[in-house]
Amino acid sequence: LERRASGWNSLGWGLIVASVLSGW
């Protein structure tokens, strides 16, 4: 995106955390 989107970034990193927890 042209400007930083902290909401989308937070969602992406949250999905990574959810992926780790689900894998565990």
PDBML (XML) file of the C-alpha atoms, coordinates in Angstrom:
<?xml version="1.0" encoding="UTF-8" ?>
<PDBx:datablock datablockName="MODEL"
   xmlns:PDBx="http://pdbml.pdb.org/schema/pdbx-v50.xsd"
   xmlns:xsi="http://www.w3.org/2001/XMLSchema-instance"
   xsi:schemaLocation="http://pdbml.pdb.org/schema/pdbx-v50.xsd pdbx-v50.xsd">
   <PDBx:atom_siteCategory>
      <PDBx:atom_site id="1">
         <PDBx:B_iso_or_equiv>0.00</PDBx:B_iso_or_equiv>
         <PDBx:Cartn_x>0.000</PDBx:Cartn_x>
         <PDBx:Cartn_y>0.000</PDBx:Cartn_y>
         <PDBx:Cartn_z>0.000</PDBx:Cartn_z>
         <PDBx:auth_asym_id>A</PDBx:auth_asym_id>
         <PDBx:auth_atom_id>CA</PDBx:auth_atom_id>
         <PDBx:auth_comp_id>LEU</PDBx:auth_comp_id>
         <PDBx:auth_seq_id>1</PDBx:auth_seq_id>
         <PDBx:group_PDB>ATOM</PDBx:group_PDB>
         <PDBx:label_alt_id xsi:nil="true" />
         <PDBx:label_asym_id>A</PDBx:label_asym_id>
         <PDBx:label_atom_id>CA</PDBx:label_atom_id>
         <PDBx:label_comp_id>LEU</PDBx:label_comp_id>
         <PDBx:label_entity_id>1</PDBx:label_entity_id>
         <PDBx:label_seq_id>1</PDBx:label_seq_id>
         <PDBx:occupancy>1.00</PDBx:occupancy>
         <PDBx:pdbx_PDB_model_num>1</PDBx:pdbx_PDB_model_num>
         <PDBx:type_symbol>C</PDBx:type_symbol>
      </PDBx:atom_site>
      <PDBx:atom_site id="2">
         <PDBx:B_iso_or_equiv>0.00</PDBx:B_iso_or_equiv>
         <PDBx:Cartn_x>1.054</PDBx:Cartn_x>
         <PDBx:Cartn_y>3.610</PDBx:Cartn_y>
         <PDBx:Cartn_z>-0.493</PDBx:Cartn_z>
         <PDBx:auth_asym_id>A</PDBx:auth_asym_id>
         <PDBx:auth_atom_id>CA</PDBx:auth_atom_id>
         <PDBx:auth_comp_id>GLU</PDBx:auth_comp_id>
         <PDBx:auth_seq_id>2</PDBx:auth_seq_id>
         <PDBx:group_PDB>ATOM</PDBx:group_PDB>
         <PDBx:label_alt_id xsi:nil="true" />
         <PDBx:label_asym_id>A</PDBx:label_asym_id>
         <PDBx:label_atom_id>CA</PDBx:label_atom_id>
         <PDBx:label_comp_id>GLU</PDBx:label_comp_id>
         <PDBx:label_entity_id>1</PDBx:label_entity_id>
         <PDBx:label_seq_id>2</PDBx:label_seq_id>
         <PDBx:occupancy>1.00</PDBx:occupancy>
         <PDBx:pdbx_PDB_model_num>1</PDBx:pdbx_PDB_model_num>
         <PDBx:type_symbol>C</PDBx:type_symbol>
      </PDBx:atom_site>
      <PDBx:atom_site id="3">
         <PDBx:B_iso_or_equiv>0.00</PDBx:B_iso_or_equiv>
         <PDBx:Cartn_x>0.697</PDBx:Cartn_x>
         <PDBx:Cartn_y>4.409</PDBx:Cartn_y>
         <PDBx:Cartn_z>3.197</PDBx:Cartn_z>
         <PDBx:auth_asym_id>A</PDBx:auth_asym_id>
         <PDBx:auth_atom_id>CA</PDBx:auth_atom_id>
         <PDBx:auth_comp_id>ARG</PDBx:auth_comp_id>
         <PDBx:auth_seq_id>3</PDBx:auth_seq_id>
         <PDBx:group_PDB>ATOM</PDBx:group_PDB>
         <PDBx:label_alt_id xsi:nil="true" />
         <PDBx:label_asym_id>A</PDBx:label_asym_id>
         <PDBx:label_atom_id>CA</PDBx:label_atom_id>
         <PDBx:label_comp_id>ARG</PDBx:label_comp_id>
         <PDBx:label_entity_id>1</PDBx:label_entity_id>
         <PDBx:label_seq_id>3</PDBx:label_seq_id>
         <PDBx:occupancy>1.00</PDBx:occupancy>
         <PDBx:pdbx_PDB_model_num>1</PDBx:pdbx_PDB_model_num>
         <PDBx:type_symbol>C</PDBx:type_symbol>
      </PDBx:atom_site>
      <PDBx:atom_site id="4">
         <PDBx:B_iso_or_equiv>0.00</PDBx:B_iso_or_equiv>
         <PDBx:Cartn_x>1.398</PDBx:Cartn_x>
         <PDBx:Cartn_y>2.318</PDBx:Cartn_y>
         <PDBx:Cartn_z>6.234</PDBx:Cartn_z>
         <PDBx:auth_asym_id>A</PDBx:auth_asym_id>
         <PDBx:auth_atom_id>CA</PDBx:auth_atom_id>
         <PDBx:auth_comp_id>ARG</PDBx:auth_comp_id>
         <PDBx:auth_seq_id>4</PDBx:auth_seq_id>
         <PDBx:group_PDB>ATOM</PDBx:group_PDB>
         <PDBx:label_alt_id xsi:nil="true" />
         <PDBx:label_asym_id>A</PDBx:label_asym_id>
         <PDBx:label_atom_id>CA</PDBx:label_atom_id>
         <PDBx:label_comp_id>ARG</PDBx:label_comp_id>
         <PDBx:label_entity_id>1</PDBx:label_entity_id>
         <PDBx:label_seq_id>4</PDBx:label_seq_id>
         <PDBx:occupancy>1.00</PDBx:occupancy>
         <PDBx:pdbx_PDB_model_num>1</PDBx:pdbx_PDB_model_num>
         <PDBx:type_symbol>C</PDBx:type_symbol>
      </PDBx:atom_site>
      <PDBx:atom_site id="5">
         <PDBx:B_iso_or_equiv>0.00</PDBx:B_iso_or_equiv>
         <PDBx:Cartn_x>-1.612</PDBx:Cartn_x>
         <PDBx:Cartn_y>0.334</PDBx:Cartn_y>
         <PDBx:Cartn_z>7.367</PDBx:Cartn_z>
         <PDBx:auth_asym_id>A</PDBx:auth_asym_id>
         <PDBx:auth_atom_id>CA</PDBx:auth_atom_id>
         <PDBx:auth_comp_id>ALA</PDBx:auth_comp_id>
         <PDBx:auth_seq_id>5</PDBx:auth_seq_id>
         <PDBx:group_PDB>ATOM</PDBx:group_PDB>
         <PDBx:label_alt_id xsi:nil="true" />
         <PDBx:label_asym_id>A</PDBx:label_asym_id>
         <PDBx:label_atom_id>CA</PDBx:label_atom_id>
         <PDBx:label_comp_id>ALA</PDBx:label_comp_id>
         <PDBx:label_entity_id>1</PDBx:label_entity_id>
         <PDBx:label_seq_id>5</PDBx:label_seq_id>
         <PDBx:occupancy>1.00</PDBx:occupancy>
         <PDBx:pdbx_PDB_model_num>1</PDBx:pdbx_PDB_model_num>
         <PDBx:type_symbol>C</PDBx:type_symbol>
      </PDBx:atom_site>
      <PDBx:atom_site id="6">
         <PDBx:B_iso_or_equiv>0.00</PDBx:B_iso_or_equiv>
         <PDBx:Cartn_x>-1.049</PDBx:Cartn_x>
         <PDBx:Cartn_y>-0.688</PDBx:Cartn_y>
         <PDBx:Cartn_z>10.971</PDBx:Cartn_z>
         <PDBx:auth_asym_id>A</PDBx:auth_asym_id>
         <PDBx:auth_atom_id>CA</PDBx:auth_atom_id>
         <PDBx:auth_comp_id>SER</PDBx:auth_comp_id>
         <PDBx:auth_seq_id>6</PDBx:auth_seq_id>
         <PDBx:group_PDB>ATOM</PDBx:group_PDB>
         <PDBx:label_alt_id xsi:nil="true" />
         <PDBx:label_asym_id>A</PDBx:label_asym_id>
         <PDBx:label_atom_id>CA</PDBx:label_atom_id>
         <PDBx:label_comp_id>SER</PDBx:label_comp_id>
         <PDBx:label_entity_id>1</PDBx:label_entity_id>
         <PDBx:label_seq_id>6</PDBx:label_seq_id>
         <PDBx:occupancy>1.00</PDBx:occupancy>
         <PDBx:pdbx_PDB_model_num>1</PDBx:pdbx_PDB_model_num>
         <PDBx:type_symbol>C</PDBx:type_symbol>
      </PDBx:atom_site>
      <PDBx:atom_site id="7">
         <PDBx:B_iso_or_equiv>0.00</PDBx:B_iso_or_equiv>
         <PDBx:Cartn_x>-4.377</PDBx:Cartn_x>
         <PDBx:Cartn_y>-2.505</PDBx:Cartn_y>
         <PDBx:Cartn_z>11.118</PDBx:Cartn_z>
         <PDBx:auth_asym_id>A</PDBx:auth_asym_id>
         <PDBx:auth_atom_id>CA</PDBx:auth_atom_id>
         <PDBx:auth_comp_id>GLY</PDBx:auth_comp_id>
         <PDBx:auth_seq_id>7</PDBx:auth_seq_id>
         <PDBx:group_PDB>ATOM</PDBx:group_PDB>
         <PDBx:label_alt_id xsi:nil="true" />
         <PDBx:label_asym_id>A</PDBx:label_asym_id>
         <PDBx:label_atom_id>CA</PDBx:label_atom_id>
         <PDBx:label_comp_id>GLY</PDBx:label_comp_id>
         <PDBx:label_entity_id>1</PDBx:label_entity_id>
         <PDBx:label_seq_id>7</PDBx:label_seq_id>
         <PDBx:occupancy>1.00</PDBx:occupancy>
         <PDBx:pdbx_PDB_model_num>1</PDBx:pdbx_PDB_model_num>
         <PDBx:type_symbol>C</PDBx:type_symbol>
      </PDBx:atom_site>
      <PDBx:atom_site id="8">
         <PDBx:B_iso_or_equiv>0.00</PDBx:B_iso_or_equiv>
         <PDBx:Cartn_x>-3.490</PDBx:Cartn_x>
         <PDBx:Cartn_y>-4.775</PDBx:Cartn_y>
         <PDBx:Cartn_z>8.198</PDBx:Cartn_z>
         <PDBx:auth_asym_id>A</PDBx:auth_asym_id>
         <PDBx:auth_atom_id>CA</PDBx:auth_atom_id>
         <PDBx:auth_comp_id>TRP</PDBx:auth_comp_id>
         <PDBx:auth_seq_id>8</PDBx:auth_seq_id>
         <PDBx:group_PDB>ATOM</PDBx:group_PDB>
         <PDBx:label_alt_id xsi:nil="true" />
         <PDBx:label_asym_id>A</PDBx:label_asym_id>
         <PDBx:label_atom_id>CA</PDBx:label_atom_id>
         <PDBx:label_comp_id>TRP</PDBx:label_comp_id>
         <PDBx:label_entity_id>1</PDBx:label_entity_id>
         <PDBx:label_seq_id>8</PDBx:label_seq_id>
         <PDBx:occupancy>1.00</PDBx:occupancy>
         <PDBx:pdbx_PDB_model_num>1</PDBx:pdbx_PDB_model_num>
         <PDBx:type_symbol>C</PDBx:type_symbol>
      </PDBx:atom_site>
      <PDBx:atom_site id="9">
         <PDBx:B_iso_or_equiv>0.00</PDBx:B_iso_or_equiv>
         <PDBx:Cartn_x>0.025</PDBx:Cartn_x>
         <PDBx:Cartn_y>-5.311</PDBx:Cartn_y>
         <PDBx:Cartn_z>9.573</PDBx:Cartn_z>
         <PDBx:auth_asym_id>A</PDBx:auth_asym_id>
         <PDBx:auth_atom_id>CA</PDBx:auth_atom_id>
         <PDBx:auth_comp_id>ASN</PDBx:auth_comp_id>
         <PDBx:auth_seq_id>9</PDBx:auth_seq_id>
         <PDBx:group_PDB>ATOM</PDBx:group_PDB>
         <PDBx:label_alt_id xsi:nil="true" />
         <PDBx:label_asym_id>A</PDBx:label_asym_id>
         <PDBx:label_atom_id>CA</PDBx:label_atom_id>
         <PDBx:label_comp_id>ASN</PDBx:label_comp_id>
         <PDBx:label_entity_id>1</PDBx:label_entity_id>
         <PDBx:label_seq_id>9</PDBx:label_seq_id>
         <PDBx:occupancy>1.00</PDBx:occupancy>
         <PDBx:pdbx_PDB_model_num>1</PDBx:pdbx_PDB_model_num>
         <PDBx:type_symbol>C</PDBx:type_symbol>
      </PDBx:atom_site>
      <PDBx:atom_site id="10">
         <PDBx:B_iso_or_equiv>0.00</PDBx:B_iso_or_equiv>
         <PDBx:Cartn_x>-1.419</PDBx:Cartn_x>
         <PDBx:Cartn_y>-6.253</PDBx:Cartn_y>
         <PDBx:Cartn_z>12.964</PDBx:Cartn_z>
         <PDBx:auth_asym_id>A</PDBx:auth_asym_id>
         <PDBx:auth_atom_id>CA</PDBx:auth_atom_id>
         <PDBx:auth_comp_id>SER</PDBx:auth_comp_id>
         <PDBx:auth_seq_id>10</PDBx:auth_seq_id>
         <PDBx:group_PDB>ATOM</PDBx:group_PDB>
         <PDBx:label_alt_id xsi:nil="true" />
         <PDBx:label_asym_id>A</PDBx:label_asym_id>
         <PDBx:label_atom_id>CA</PDBx:label_atom_id>
         <PDBx:label_comp_id>SER</PDBx:label_comp_id>
         <PDBx:label_entity_id>1</PDBx:label_entity_id>
         <PDBx:label_seq_id>10</PDBx:label_seq_id>
         <PDBx:occupancy>1.00</PDBx:occupancy>
         <PDBx:pdbx_PDB_model_num>1</PDBx:pdbx_PDB_model_num>
         <PDBx:type_symbol>C</PDBx:type_symbol>
      </PDBx:atom_site>
      <PDBx:atom_site id="11">
         <PDBx:B_iso_or_equiv>0.00</PDBx:B_iso_or_equiv>
         <PDBx:Cartn_x>-3.855</PDBx:Cartn_x>
         <PDBx:Cartn_y>-8.660</PDBx:Cartn_y>
         <PDBx:Cartn_z>11.314</PDBx:Cartn_z>
         <PDBx:auth_asym_id>A</PDBx:auth_asym_id>
         <PDBx:auth_atom_id>CA</PDBx:auth_atom_id>
         <PDBx:auth_comp_id>LEU</PDBx:auth_comp_id>
         <PDBx:auth_seq_id>11</PDBx:auth_seq_id>
         <PDBx:group_PDB>ATOM</PDBx:group_PDB>
         <PDBx:label_alt_id xsi:nil="true" />
         <PDBx:label_asym_id>A</PDBx:label_asym_id>
         <PDBx:label_atom_id>CA</PDBx:label_atom_id>
         <PDBx:label_comp_id>LEU</PDBx:label_comp_id>
         <PDBx:label_entity_id>1</PDBx:label_entity_id>
         <PDBx:label_seq_id>11</PDBx:label_seq_id>
         <PDBx:occupancy>1.00</PDBx:occupancy>
         <PDBx:pdbx_PDB_model_num>1</PDBx:pdbx_PDB_model_num>
         <PDBx:type_symbol>C</PDBx:type_symbol>
      </PDBx:atom_site>
      <PDBx:atom_site id="12">
         <PDBx:B_iso_or_equiv>0.00</PDBx:B_iso_or_equiv>
         <PDBx:Cartn_x>-1.032</PDBx:Cartn_x>
         <PDBx:Cartn_y>-10.306</PDBx:Cartn_y>
         <PDBx:Cartn_z>9.347</PDBx:Cartn_z>
         <PDBx:auth_asym_id>A</PDBx:auth_asym_id>
         <PDBx:auth_atom_id>CA</PDBx:auth_atom_id>
         <PDBx:auth_comp_id>GLY</PDBx:auth_comp_id>
         <PDBx:auth_seq_id>12</PDBx:auth_seq_id>
         <PDBx:group_PDB>ATOM</PDBx:group_PDB>
         <PDBx:label_alt_id xsi:nil="true" />
         <PDBx:label_asym_id>A</PDBx:label_asym_id>
         <PDBx:label_atom_id>CA</PDBx:label_atom_id>
         <PDBx:label_comp_id>GLY</PDBx:label_comp_id>
         <PDBx:label_entity_id>1</PDBx:label_entity_id>
         <PDBx:label_seq_id>12</PDBx:label_seq_id>
         <PDBx:occupancy>1.00</PDBx:occupancy>
         <PDBx:pdbx_PDB_model_num>1</PDBx:pdbx_PDB_model_num>
         <PDBx:type_symbol>C</PDBx:type_symbol>
      </PDBx:atom_site>
      <PDBx:atom_site id="13">
         <PDBx:B_iso_or_equiv>0.00</PDBx:B_iso_or_equiv>
         <PDBx:Cartn_x>1.188</PDBx:Cartn_x>
         <PDBx:Cartn_y>-10.776</PDBx:Cartn_y>
         <PDBx:Cartn_z>12.396</PDBx:Cartn_z>
         <PDBx:auth_asym_id>A</PDBx:auth_asym_id>
         <PDBx:auth_atom_id>CA</PDBx:auth_atom_id>
         <PDBx:auth_comp_id>TRP</PDBx:auth_comp_id>
         <PDBx:auth_seq_id>13</PDBx:auth_seq_id>
         <PDBx:group_PDB>ATOM</PDBx:group_PDB>
         <PDBx:label_alt_id xsi:nil="true" />
         <PDBx:label_asym_id>A</PDBx:label_asym_id>
         <PDBx:label_atom_id>CA</PDBx:label_atom_id>
         <PDBx:label_comp_id>TRP</PDBx:label_comp_id>
         <PDBx:label_entity_id>1</PDBx:label_entity_id>
         <PDBx:label_seq_id>13</PDBx:label_seq_id>
         <PDBx:occupancy>1.00</PDBx:occupancy>
         <PDBx:pdbx_PDB_model_num>1</PDBx:pdbx_PDB_model_num>
         <PDBx:type_symbol>C</PDBx:type_symbol>
      </PDBx:atom_site>
      <PDBx:atom_site id="14">
         <PDBx:B_iso_or_equiv>0.00</PDBx:B_iso_or_equiv>
         <PDBx:Cartn_x>-1.813</PDBx:Cartn_x>
         <PDBx:Cartn_y>-11.955</PDBx:Cartn_y>
         <PDBx:Cartn_z>14.400</PDBx:Cartn_z>
         <PDBx:auth_asym_id>A</PDBx:auth_asym_id>
         <PDBx:auth_atom_id>CA</PDBx:auth_atom_id>
         <PDBx:auth_comp_id>GLY</PDBx:auth_comp_id>
         <PDBx:auth_seq_id>14</PDBx:auth_seq_id>
         <PDBx:group_PDB>ATOM</PDBx:group_PDB>
         <PDBx:label_alt_id xsi:nil="true" />
         <PDBx:label_asym_id>A</PDBx:label_asym_id>
         <PDBx:label_atom_id>CA</PDBx:label_atom_id>
         <PDBx:label_comp_id>GLY</PDBx:label_comp_id>
         <PDBx:label_entity_id>1</PDBx:label_entity_id>
         <PDBx:label_seq_id>14</PDBx:label_seq_id>
         <PDBx:occupancy>1.00</PDBx:occupancy>
         <PDBx:pdbx_PDB_model_num>1</PDBx:pdbx_PDB_model_num>
         <PDBx:type_symbol>C</PDBx:type_symbol>
      </PDBx:atom_site>
      <PDBx:atom_site id="15">
         <PDBx:B_iso_or_equiv>0.00</PDBx:B_iso_or_equiv>
         <PDBx:Cartn_x>-2.464</PDBx:Cartn_x>
         <PDBx:Cartn_y>-14.620</PDBx:Cartn_y>
         <PDBx:Cartn_z>11.763</PDBx:Cartn_z>
         <PDBx:auth_asym_id>A</PDBx:auth_asym_id>
         <PDBx:auth_atom_id>CA</PDBx:auth_atom_id>
         <PDBx:auth_comp_id>LEU</PDBx:auth_comp_id>
         <PDBx:auth_seq_id>15</PDBx:auth_seq_id>
         <PDBx:group_PDB>ATOM</PDBx:group_PDB>
         <PDBx:label_alt_id xsi:nil="true" />
         <PDBx:label_asym_id>A</PDBx:label_asym_id>
         <PDBx:label_atom_id>CA</PDBx:label_atom_id>
         <PDBx:label_comp_id>LEU</PDBx:label_comp_id>
         <PDBx:label_entity_id>1</PDBx:label_entity_id>
         <PDBx:label_seq_id>15</PDBx:label_seq_id>
         <PDBx:occupancy>1.00</PDBx:occupancy>
         <PDBx:pdbx_PDB_model_num>1</PDBx:pdbx_PDB_model_num>
         <PDBx:type_symbol>C</PDBx:type_symbol>
      </PDBx:atom_site>
      <PDBx:atom_site id="16">
         <PDBx:B_iso_or_equiv>0.00</PDBx:B_iso_or_equiv>
         <PDBx:Cartn_x>1.147</PDBx:Cartn_x>
         <PDBx:Cartn_y>-15.780</PDBx:Cartn_y>
         <PDBx:Cartn_z>12.093</PDBx:Cartn_z>
         <PDBx:auth_asym_id>A</PDBx:auth_asym_id>
         <PDBx:auth_atom_id>CA</PDBx:auth_atom_id>
         <PDBx:auth_comp_id>ILE</PDBx:auth_comp_id>
         <PDBx:auth_seq_id>16</PDBx:auth_seq_id>
         <PDBx:group_PDB>ATOM</PDBx:group_PDB>
         <PDBx:label_alt_id xsi:nil="true" />
         <PDBx:label_asym_id>A</PDBx:label_asym_id>
         <PDBx:label_atom_id>CA</PDBx:label_atom_id>
         <PDBx:label_comp_id>ILE</PDBx:label_comp_id>
         <PDBx:label_entity_id>1</PDBx:label_entity_id>
         <PDBx:label_seq_id>16</PDBx:label_seq_id>
         <PDBx:occupancy>1.00</PDBx:occupancy>
         <PDBx:pdbx_PDB_model_num>1</PDBx:pdbx_PDB_model_num>
         <PDBx:type_symbol>C</PDBx:type_symbol>
      </PDBx:atom_site>
      <PDBx:atom_site id="17">
         <PDBx:B_iso_or_equiv>0.00</PDBx:B_iso_or_equiv>
         <PDBx:Cartn_x>0.701</PDBx:Cartn_x>
         <PDBx:Cartn_y>-16.098</PDBx:Cartn_y>
         <PDBx:Cartn_z>15.856</PDBx:Cartn_z>
         <PDBx:auth_asym_id>A</PDBx:auth_asym_id>
         <PDBx:auth_atom_id>CA</PDBx:auth_atom_id>
         <PDBx:auth_comp_id>VAL</PDBx:auth_comp_id>
         <PDBx:auth_seq_id>17</PDBx:auth_seq_id>
         <PDBx:group_PDB>ATOM</PDBx:group_PDB>
         <PDBx:label_alt_id xsi:nil="true" />
         <PDBx:label_asym_id>A</PDBx:label_asym_id>
         <PDBx:label_atom_id>CA</PDBx:label_atom_id>
         <PDBx:label_comp_id>VAL</PDBx:label_comp_id>
         <PDBx:label_entity_id>1</PDBx:label_entity_id>
         <PDBx:label_seq_id>17</PDBx:label_seq_id>
         <PDBx:occupancy>1.00</PDBx:occupancy>
         <PDBx:pdbx_PDB_model_num>1</PDBx:pdbx_PDB_model_num>
         <PDBx:type_symbol>C</PDBx:type_symbol>
      </PDBx:atom_site>
      <PDBx:atom_site id="18">
         <PDBx:B_iso_or_equiv>0.00</PDBx:B_iso_or_equiv>
         <PDBx:Cartn_x>-2.554</PDBx:Cartn_x>
         <PDBx:Cartn_y>-17.998</PDBx:Cartn_y>
         <PDBx:Cartn_z>15.262</PDBx:Cartn_z>
         <PDBx:auth_asym_id>A</PDBx:auth_asym_id>
         <PDBx:auth_atom_id>CA</PDBx:auth_atom_id>
         <PDBx:auth_comp_id>ALA</PDBx:auth_comp_id>
         <PDBx:auth_seq_id>18</PDBx:auth_seq_id>
         <PDBx:group_PDB>ATOM</PDBx:group_PDB>
         <PDBx:label_alt_id xsi:nil="true" />
         <PDBx:label_asym_id>A</PDBx:label_asym_id>
         <PDBx:label_atom_id>CA</PDBx:label_atom_id>
         <PDBx:label_comp_id>ALA</PDBx:label_comp_id>
         <PDBx:label_entity_id>1</PDBx:label_entity_id>
         <PDBx:label_seq_id>18</PDBx:label_seq_id>
         <PDBx:occupancy>1.00</PDBx:occupancy>
         <PDBx:pdbx_PDB_model_num>1</PDBx:pdbx_PDB_model_num>
         <PDBx:type_symbol>C</PDBx:type_symbol>
      </PDBx:atom_site>
      <PDBx:atom_site id="19">
         <PDBx:B_iso_or_equiv>0.00</PDBx:B_iso_or_equiv>
         <PDBx:Cartn_x>-0.725</PDBx:Cartn_x>
         <PDBx:Cartn_y>-20.273</PDBx:Cartn_y>
         <PDBx:Cartn_z>12.819</PDBx:Cartn_z>
         <PDBx:auth_asym_id>A</PDBx:auth_asym_id>
         <PDBx:auth_atom_id>CA</PDBx:auth_atom_id>
         <PDBx:auth_comp_id>SER</PDBx:auth_comp_id>
         <PDBx:auth_seq_id>19</PDBx:auth_seq_id>
         <PDBx:group_PDB>ATOM</PDBx:group_PDB>
         <PDBx:label_alt_id xsi:nil="true" />
         <PDBx:label_asym_id>A</PDBx:label_asym_id>
         <PDBx:label_atom_id>CA</PDBx:label_atom_id>
         <PDBx:label_comp_id>SER</PDBx:label_comp_id>
         <PDBx:label_entity_id>1</PDBx:label_entity_id>
         <PDBx:label_seq_id>19</PDBx:label_seq_id>
         <PDBx:occupancy>1.00</PDBx:occupancy>
         <PDBx:pdbx_PDB_model_num>1</PDBx:pdbx_PDB_model_num>
         <PDBx:type_symbol>C</PDBx:type_symbol>
      </PDBx:atom_site>
      <PDBx:atom_site id="20">
         <PDBx:B_iso_or_equiv>0.00</PDBx:B_iso_or_equiv>
         <PDBx:Cartn_x>1.937</PDBx:Cartn_x>
         <PDBx:Cartn_y>-21.088</PDBx:Cartn_y>
         <PDBx:Cartn_z>15.409</PDBx:Cartn_z>
         <PDBx:auth_asym_id>A</PDBx:auth_asym_id>
         <PDBx:auth_atom_id>CA</PDBx:auth_atom_id>
         <PDBx:auth_comp_id>VAL</PDBx:auth_comp_id>
         <PDBx:auth_seq_id>20</PDBx:auth_seq_id>
         <PDBx:group_PDB>ATOM</PDBx:group_PDB>
         <PDBx:label_alt_id xsi:nil="true" />
         <PDBx:label_asym_id>A</PDBx:label_asym_id>
         <PDBx:label_atom_id>CA</PDBx:label_atom_id>
         <PDBx:label_comp_id>VAL</PDBx:label_comp_id>
         <PDBx:label_entity_id>1</PDBx:label_entity_id>
         <PDBx:label_seq_id>20</PDBx:label_seq_id>
         <PDBx:occupancy>1.00</PDBx:occupancy>
         <PDBx:pdbx_PDB_model_num>1</PDBx:pdbx_PDB_model_num>
         <PDBx:type_symbol>C</PDBx:type_symbol>
      </PDBx:atom_site>
      <PDBx:atom_site id="21">
         <PDBx:B_iso_or_equiv>0.00</PDBx:B_iso_or_equiv>
         <PDBx:Cartn_x>-0.658</PDBx:Cartn_x>
         <PDBx:Cartn_y>-21.741</PDBx:Cartn_y>
         <PDBx:Cartn_z>18.113</PDBx:Cartn_z>
         <PDBx:auth_asym_id>A</PDBx:auth_asym_id>
         <PDBx:auth_atom_id>CA</PDBx:auth_atom_id>
         <PDBx:auth_comp_id>LEU</PDBx:auth_comp_id>
         <PDBx:auth_seq_id>21</PDBx:auth_seq_id>
         <PDBx:group_PDB>ATOM</PDBx:group_PDB>
         <PDBx:label_alt_id xsi:nil="true" />
         <PDBx:label_asym_id>A</PDBx:label_asym_id>
         <PDBx:label_atom_id>CA</PDBx:label_atom_id>
         <PDBx:label_comp_id>LEU</PDBx:label_comp_id>
         <PDBx:label_entity_id>1</PDBx:label_entity_id>
         <PDBx:label_seq_id>21</PDBx:label_seq_id>
         <PDBx:occupancy>1.00</PDBx:occupancy>
         <PDBx:pdbx_PDB_model_num>1</PDBx:pdbx_PDB_model_num>
         <PDBx:type_symbol>C</PDBx:type_symbol>
      </PDBx:atom_site>
      <PDBx:atom_site id="22">
         <PDBx:B_iso_or_equiv>0.00</PDBx:B_iso_or_equiv>
         <PDBx:Cartn_x>-2.766</PDBx:Cartn_x>
         <PDBx:Cartn_y>-23.902</PDBx:Cartn_y>
         <PDBx:Cartn_z>15.796</PDBx:Cartn_z>
         <PDBx:auth_asym_id>A</PDBx:auth_asym_id>
         <PDBx:auth_atom_id>CA</PDBx:auth_atom_id>
         <PDBx:auth_comp_id>SER</PDBx:auth_comp_id>
         <PDBx:auth_seq_id>22</PDBx:auth_seq_id>
         <PDBx:group_PDB>ATOM</PDBx:group_PDB>
         <PDBx:label_alt_id xsi:nil="true" />
         <PDBx:label_asym_id>A</PDBx:label_asym_id>
         <PDBx:label_atom_id>CA</PDBx:label_atom_id>
         <PDBx:label_comp_id>SER</PDBx:label_comp_id>
         <PDBx:label_entity_id>1</PDBx:label_entity_id>
         <PDBx:label_seq_id>22</PDBx:label_seq_id>
         <PDBx:occupancy>1.00</PDBx:occupancy>
         <PDBx:pdbx_PDB_model_num>1</PDBx:pdbx_PDB_model_num>
         <PDBx:type_symbol>C</PDBx:type_symbol>
      </PDBx:atom_site>
      <PDBx:atom_site id="23">
         <PDBx:B_iso_or_equiv>0.00</PDBx:B_iso_or_equiv>
         <PDBx:Cartn_x>0.283</PDBx:Cartn_x>
         <PDBx:Cartn_y>-25.873</PDBx:Cartn_y>
         <PDBx:Cartn_z>14.680</PDBx:Cartn_z>
         <PDBx:auth_asym_id>A</PDBx:auth_asym_id>
         <PDBx:auth_atom_id>CA</PDBx:auth_atom_id>
         <PDBx:auth_comp_id>GLY</PDBx:auth_comp_id>
         <PDBx:auth_seq_id>23</PDBx:auth_seq_id>
         <PDBx:group_PDB>ATOM</PDBx:group_PDB>
         <PDBx:label_alt_id xsi:nil="true" />
         <PDBx:label_asym_id>A</PDBx:label_asym_id>
         <PDBx:label_atom_id>CA</PDBx:label_atom_id>
         <PDBx:label_comp_id>GLY</PDBx:label_comp_id>
         <PDBx:label_entity_id>1</PDBx:label_entity_id>
         <PDBx:label_seq_id>23</PDBx:label_seq_id>
         <PDBx:occupancy>1.00</PDBx:occupancy>
         <PDBx:pdbx_PDB_model_num>1</PDBx:pdbx_PDB_model_num>
         <PDBx:type_symbol>C</PDBx:type_symbol>
      </PDBx:atom_site>
      <PDBx:atom_site id="24">
         <PDBx:B_iso_or_equiv>0.00</PDBx:B_iso_or_equiv>
         <PDBx:Cartn_x>1.291</PDBx:Cartn_x>
         <PDBx:Cartn_y>-26.419</PDBx:Cartn_y>
         <PDBx:Cartn_z>18.295</PDBx:Cartn_z>
         <PDBx:auth_asym_id>A</PDBx:auth_asym_id>
         <PDBx:auth_atom_id>CA</PDBx:auth_atom_id>
         <PDBx:auth_comp_id>TRP</PDBx:auth_comp_id>
         <PDBx:auth_seq_id>24</PDBx:auth_seq_id>
         <PDBx:group_PDB>ATOM</PDBx:group_PDB>
         <PDBx:label_alt_id xsi:nil="true" />
         <PDBx:label_asym_id>A</PDBx:label_asym_id>
         <PDBx:label_atom_id>CA</PDBx:label_atom_id>
         <PDBx:label_comp_id>TRP</PDBx:label_comp_id>
         <PDBx:label_entity_id>1</PDBx:label_entity_id>
         <PDBx:label_seq_id>24</PDBx:label_seq_id>
         <PDBx:occupancy>1.00</PDBx:occupancy>
         <PDBx:pdbx_PDB_model_num>1</PDBx:pdbx_PDB_model_num>
         <PDBx:type_symbol>C</PDBx:type_symbol>
      </PDBx:atom_site>
   </PDBx:atom_siteCategory>
</PDBx:datablock>
